[in-house]
């Protein structure tokens, strides 16, 4: 009898398997970044929820999803991806991180001990994936 080891999900699989990330998944597909984020990594992804995307105006989101704006969408999404596996404790110990976009994101803890990255608050941490880790945030990082 052989045992088949189930492969852990990728960072994309984590998003795909949670309805709260359907807008993020659509954006990754439109930007052509799904295969990249299913790659070896490791990646740390700060994943905005659907509610985070709703904070953008509908026209801005529609515009970003157009094929003619693929590069703009890619750059926006790259603000959410950091090379390497950074657990919550690693993120908190940093004053800033540089995502794949090259734009520096400042990290701070507010008076309620909530961790903020850029304008977003981290809502859930350390969702382990085969090729990295996912942290849930409440805003789209621009």
Protein backbone atom coordinates (compact mmCIF):
# COMPACT_ATOMS: atom_id res chain seq x y z
CA UNK A 1 0.00 0.00 0.00
CA UNK A 2 1.39 3.39 -0.95
CA UNK A 3 0.46 6.57 0.72
CA UNK A 4 -0.10 9.54 -1.48
CA UNK A 5 1.01 12.72 0.17
CA UNK A 6 -1.31 15.55 -0.52
CA UNK A 7 0.60 18.58 -1.74
CA UNK A 8 0.09 21.69 0.35
CA UNK A 9 -1.75 24.49 -1.46
CA UNK A 10 0.10 27.30 -3.21
CA UNK A 11 -0.47 30.92 -2.21
CA UNK A 12 -2.81 31.15 -5.23
CA UNK A 13 -4.73 28.04 -4.08
CA UNK A 14 -5.30 29.63 -0.67
CA UNK A 15 -6.89 32.65 -2.38
CA UNK A 16 -8.81 30.55 -4.90
CA UNK A 17 -10.31 28.34 -2.19
CA UNK A 18 -11.67 31.28 -0.15
CA UNK A 19 -14.60 33.27 -1.55
CA UNK A 20 -13.35 36.36 0.32
CA UNK A 21 -10.52 36.61 -2.22
CA UNK A 22 -12.48 36.24 -5.48
CA UNK A 23 -11.64 39.79 -6.60
CA UNK A 24 -7.95 39.21 -5.89
CA UNK A 25 -8.04 35.97 -7.89
CA UNK A 26 -9.77 37.75 -10.80
CA UNK A 27 -7.13 40.48 -10.67
CA UNK A 28 -4.28 37.94 -10.62
CA UNK A 29 -5.81 36.22 -13.64
CA UNK A 30 -6.28 39.52 -15.52
CA UNK A 31 -2.68 40.50 -14.72
CA UNK A 32 -1.28 37.13 -15.81
CA UNK A 33 0.35 36.57 -12.41
CA UNK A 34 -1.27 33.25 -11.44
CA UNK A 35 1.52 31.08 -12.84
CA UNK A 36 4.18 33.26 -11.22
CA UNK A 37 2.55 32.90 -7.81
CA UNK A 38 2.08 29.17 -8.30
CA UNK A 39 5.84 28.94 -8.84
CA UNK A 40 8.46 27.82 -6.37
CA UNK A 41 8.71 31.05 -4.44
CA UNK A 42 8.82 31.38 -1.58
CA UNK A 43 6.47 34.35 -1.52
CA UNK A 44 4.88 36.35 1.24
CA UNK A 45 1.53 37.65 0.01
CA UNK A 46 -0.43 40.40 1.72
CA UNK A 47 -3.84 39.43 0.35
CA UNK A 48 -6.55 42.10 0.20
CA UNK A 49 -10.08 40.82 0.74
CA UNK A 50 -13.02 41.55 -1.56
CA UNK A 51 -14.05 44.26 0.91
CA UNK A 52 -10.61 45.87 0.49
CA UNK A 53 -11.12 46.01 -3.27
CA UNK A 54 -14.58 47.51 -2.73
CA UNK A 55 -12.85 50.51 -1.12
CA UNK A 56 -11.53 51.32 -4.59
CA UNK A 57 -14.14 53.00 -6.72
CA UNK A 58 -15.92 50.65 -9.10
CA UNK A 59 -14.65 52.62 -12.09
CA UNK A 60 -11.02 52.37 -10.90
CA UNK A 61 -11.29 48.61 -10.47
CA UNK A 62 -13.05 48.17 -13.83
CA UNK A 63 -10.36 50.29 -15.49
CA UNK A 64 -7.53 48.28 -13.90
CA UNK A 65 -9.06 44.99 -15.11
CA UNK A 66 -9.00 46.08 -18.77
CA UNK A 67 -6.38 44.29 -20.93
CA UNK A 68 -4.95 47.68 -21.93
CA UNK A 69 -4.06 48.31 -18.26
CA UNK A 70 -2.42 44.96 -17.58
CA UNK A 71 0.93 46.54 -16.63
CA UNK A 72 -0.73 48.96 -14.16
CA UNK A 73 -2.63 46.05 -12.60
CA UNK A 74 0.55 43.95 -12.39
CA UNK A 75 2.37 46.79 -10.64
CA UNK A 76 -0.49 47.26 -8.17
CA UNK A 77 -0.58 43.54 -7.36
CA UNK A 78 3.22 43.37 -7.00
CA UNK A 79 2.82 45.80 -4.07
CA UNK A 80 1.33 42.81 -2.22
CA UNK A 81 4.09 40.26 -2.86
CA UNK A 82 7.42 40.02 -1.07
CA UNK A 83 10.07 37.49 -1.98
CA UNK A 84 10.76 35.04 0.82
CA UNK A 85 8.64 33.51 3.55
CA UNK A 86 7.89 36.12 6.22
CA UNK A 87 5.86 34.94 9.16
CA UNK A 88 3.93 37.50 11.22
CA UNK A 89 6.71 37.70 13.82
CA UNK A 90 9.23 38.51 11.02
CA UNK A 91 6.95 41.22 9.62
CA UNK A 92 6.46 42.86 13.04
CA UNK A 93 10.22 42.96 13.62
CA UNK A 94 10.72 44.92 10.38
CA UNK A 95 10.23 48.67 9.97
CA UNK A 96 9.61 48.24 6.25
CA UNK A 97 9.52 45.67 3.48
CA UNK A 98 10.17 46.02 -0.23
CA UNK A 99 7.66 44.15 -2.39
CA UNK A 100 8.20 43.00 -5.98
CA UNK A 101 7.00 46.42 -7.19
CA UNK A 102 10.09 47.99 -5.60
CA UNK A 103 7.96 50.42 -3.58
CA UNK A 104 8.89 50.41 0.12
CA UNK A 105 6.05 49.53 2.51
CA UNK A 106 6.33 50.87 6.06
CA UNK A 107 5.31 48.63 8.94
CA UNK A 108 4.11 49.85 12.30
CA UNK A 109 1.99 48.72 15.21
CA UNK A 110 -0.80 51.05 16.28
CA UNK A 111 -1.98 51.73 19.83
CA UNK A 112 -4.35 48.73 19.64
CA UNK A 113 -1.39 46.49 18.84
CA UNK A 114 -2.68 45.98 15.30
CA UNK A 115 0.02 45.59 12.67
CA UNK A 116 -0.20 48.04 9.78
CA UNK A 117 1.58 47.65 6.46
CA UNK A 118 1.27 50.78 4.39
CA UNK A 119 -2.37 51.90 4.78
CA UNK A 120 -3.63 48.38 5.49
CA UNK A 121 -4.24 46.57 8.76
CA UNK A 122 -3.24 42.92 8.92
CA UNK A 123 -6.38 40.97 9.84
CA UNK A 124 -5.16 37.36 9.71
CA UNK A 125 -1.65 35.96 9.62
CA UNK A 126 0.46 32.96 8.77
CA UNK A 127 -1.71 31.05 6.30
CA UNK A 128 0.90 28.49 5.26
CA UNK A 129 1.31 27.50 1.64
CA UNK A 130 3.66 25.14 -0.17
CA UNK A 131 5.42 28.10 -1.79
CA UNK A 132 5.08 30.78 0.87
CA UNK A 133 2.75 32.38 3.33
CA UNK A 134 -0.35 34.58 3.15
CA UNK A 135 -1.40 37.42 5.46
CA UNK A 136 -4.88 38.90 5.05
CA UNK A 137 -5.15 42.70 4.85
CA UNK A 138 -8.09 45.08 4.77
CA UNK A 139 -6.92 47.53 2.06
CA UNK A 140 -5.38 47.43 -1.38
CA UNK A 141 -1.78 48.64 -1.18
CA UNK A 142 -1.15 51.40 -3.72
